Amino acid sequence: MKVTTVGKVPINRVFEIVLQSLADDYQENTGEVLEPHERTAGLSYVKRFGDKNQHTVGVKVLNLEQPNLYKVHFQSNRGDEFITYEFQALSEEETQVSYAYDFVARDWFGKANHFLMSKLLTKSMERQFDAQLQALIRHAQEKQE
């Protein structure tokens, strides 16, 4: 599933917000500072979440082409999630941002469940993804001011 929107923000500013989010998540989960030169494709770490950090997911940056592409892979016992952000400068102050989400389940039950839920919740997921993009753009605009 892919959602695209346009925001009044320079491409480098919105891409930097995504990179800062990666660095913050990395530090929160590893306790180490992620230096700018370490923000590259191939970077991987384990993310912990849940009420007591009882769940884990492997995170691997698949593509990072500044300022146009960021793709990350989340791997867990449920399956593989792929999130892709694509950025295209429309002008110096306007950027088209796309967010794509793909999920590959590990077993037959997971595949059937994902198929059914994606059919039922497509519009809801599109609204959620669009809201995420709008929040990203607003955050980049606030940091710009």
Protein backbone atom coordinates (compact mmCIF):
# COMPACT_ATOMS: atom_id res chain seq x y z
CA MET A 1 0.00 0.00 0.00
CA LYS A 2 1.33 3.44 -0.93
CA VAL A 3 0.20 6.93 0.05
CA THR A 4 1.56 10.16 -1.45
CA THR A 5 1.17 13.80 -0.42
CA VAL A 6 2.80 17.16 -1.08
CA GLY A 7 4.09 19.53 1.58
CA LYS A 8 5.51 23.04 1.65
CA VAL A 9 8.90 22.04 3.03
CA PRO A 10 12.34 21.67 1.41
CA ILE A 11 13.30 18.10 0.55
CA ASN A 12 16.49 18.18 2.65
CA ARG A 13 14.57 19.33 5.74
CA VAL A 14 11.95 16.58 5.59
CA PHE A 15 14.57 13.93 4.85
CA GLU A 16 16.62 15.11 7.84
CA ILE A 17 13.58 14.53 10.09
CA VAL A 18 13.45 10.90 8.94
CA LEU A 19 17.19 10.50 9.59
CA GLN A 20 16.85 12.06 13.04
CA SER A 21 14.01 9.65 13.83
CA LEU A 22 16.29 6.76 12.84
CA ALA A 23 19.10 8.11 15.04
CA ASP A 24 16.74 8.61 18.00
CA ASP A 25 15.31 5.09 17.67
CA TYR A 26 18.80 3.61 17.36
CA GLN A 27 20.00 5.40 20.50
CA GLU A 28 16.87 4.48 22.45
CA ASN A 29 17.29 0.79 21.61
CA THR A 30 21.08 0.38 21.71
CA GLY A 31 22.17 3.07 24.14
CA GLU A 32 24.69 4.27 21.55
CA VAL A 33 24.78 7.49 19.57
CA LEU A 34 24.37 6.99 15.83
CA GLU A 35 26.85 9.29 14.12
CA PRO A 36 25.80 10.93 10.83
CA HIS A 37 28.36 8.91 8.82
CA GLU A 38 26.87 5.68 10.28
CA ARG A 39 23.41 6.40 8.85
CA THR A 40 23.83 4.11 5.86
CA ALA A 41 22.21 1.18 4.12
CA GLY A 42 23.11 -2.01 5.96
CA LEU A 43 22.73 -0.51 9.44
CA SER A 44 20.94 -2.97 11.71
CA TYR A 45 19.90 -3.19 15.36
CA VAL A 46 17.30 -4.80 17.62
CA LYS A 47 14.29 -2.72 18.65
CA ARG A 48 12.52 -3.49 21.93
CA PHE A 49 8.91 -2.57 22.60
CA GLY A 50 5.90 -3.45 24.72
CA ASP A 51 4.94 -2.55 28.29
CA LYS A 52 8.11 -4.12 29.66
CA ASN A 53 10.20 -4.20 26.47
CA GLN A 54 9.32 -7.89 26.21
CA HIS A 55 9.03 -7.87 22.41
CA THR A 56 11.82 -7.49 19.89
CA VAL A 57 12.08 -6.84 16.19
CA GLY A 58 15.14 -6.72 13.98
CA VAL A 59 15.60 -3.45 12.11
CA LYS A 60 17.73 -3.15 8.98
CA VAL A 61 18.11 -0.12 6.74
CA LEU A 62 17.88 -1.47 3.19
CA ASN A 63 18.23 1.76 1.20
CA LEU A 64 19.29 5.23 2.20
CA GLU A 65 19.83 7.59 -0.72
CA GLN A 66 19.84 11.12 0.60
CA PRO A 67 17.55 13.02 0.07
CA ASN A 68 15.31 10.77 -2.04
CA LEU A 69 14.89 7.30 -0.55
CA TYR A 70 14.74 5.59 2.83
CA LYS A 71 13.69 1.93 3.07
CA VAL A 72 13.74 -0.13 6.25
CA HIS A 73 13.00 -3.78 7.00
CA PHE A 74 11.48 -4.93 10.31
CA GLN A 75 11.82 -8.65 10.96
CA SER A 76 9.92 -10.49 13.70
CA ASN A 77 8.41 -13.89 14.35
CA ARG A 78 5.17 -12.61 12.77
CA GLY A 79 6.77 -11.72 9.47
CA ASP A 80 8.64 -9.07 7.54
CA GLU A 81 7.52 -5.46 7.27
CA PHE A 82 8.98 -3.08 4.71
CA ILE A 83 8.53 0.67 5.00
CA THR A 84 9.68 2.98 2.23
CA TYR A 85 9.76 6.76 2.16
CA GLU A 86 10.36 8.39 -1.23
CA PHE A 87 10.96 12.12 -1.59
CA GLN A 88 10.83 14.25 -4.73
CA ALA A 89 11.55 17.99 -4.76
CA LEU A 90 8.85 19.80 -6.72
CA SER A 91 10.49 23.17 -6.03
CA GLU A 92 12.92 24.60 -3.48
CA GLU A 93 10.10 24.82 -0.92
CA GLU A 94 7.79 21.97 -1.92
CA THR A 95 8.31 18.21 -1.65
CA GLN A 96 6.27 15.20 -2.69
CA VAL A 97 6.49 12.51 -0.02
CA SER A 98 5.41 8.89 -0.53
CA TYR A 99 5.04 6.24 2.16
CA ALA A 100 4.78 2.58 1.18
CA TYR A 101 4.10 -0.35 3.48
CA ASP A 102 4.41 -4.05 2.67
CA PHE A 103 4.03 -7.05 4.95
CA VAL A 104 5.07 -10.65 4.31
CA ALA A 105 3.73 -13.14 6.85
CA ARG A 106 5.78 -16.12 8.00
CA ASP A 107 3.08 -18.81 7.92
CA TRP A 108 -0.16 -19.69 6.18
CA PHE A 109 -2.35 -18.39 9.01
CA GLY A 110 -0.49 -15.06 9.06
CA LYS A 111 -0.82 -14.72 5.28
CA ALA A 112 -4.55 -15.43 5.40
CA ASN A 113 -5.05 -13.06 8.32
CA HIS A 114 -3.08 -10.29 6.63
CA PHE A 115 -4.99 -10.73 3.38
CA LEU A 116 -8.36 -10.52 5.14
CA MET A 117 -7.42 -7.60 7.39
CA SER A 118 -5.86 -5.62 4.55
CA LYS A 119 -9.08 -5.96 2.55
CA LEU A 120 -11.19 -4.86 5.51
CA LEU A 121 -8.96 -2.04 6.71
CA THR A 122 -7.55 -0.57 3.48
CA LYS A 123 -9.25 2.83 3.84
CA SER A 124 -8.42 3.04 7.54
CA MET A 125 -4.76 2.23 6.86
CA GLU A 126 -4.62 4.79 4.05
CA ARG A 127 -5.96 7.46 6.42
CA GLN A 128 -3.44 6.43 9.09
CA PHE A 129 -0.51 6.54 6.64
CA ASP A 130 -1.66 9.92 5.29
CA ALA A 131 -1.86 11.24 8.87
CA GLN A 132 1.72 10.02 9.45
CA LEU A 133 2.90 11.87 6.34
CA GLN A 134 1.08 15.03 7.38
CA ALA A 135 2.67 14.82 10.85
CA LEU A 136 6.11 14.34 9.28
CA ILE A 137 5.62 17.40 7.09
CA ARG A 138 4.32 19.51 10.00
CA HIS A 139 7.30 18.46 12.13
CA ALA A 140 9.72 19.40 9.34
CA GLN A 141 7.98 22.77 8.92
CA GLU A 142 8.19 23.46 12.67
CA LYS A 143 11.91 22.61 12.74
CA GLN A 144 12.45 24.89 9.77
CA GLU A 145 11.00 27.97 11.53
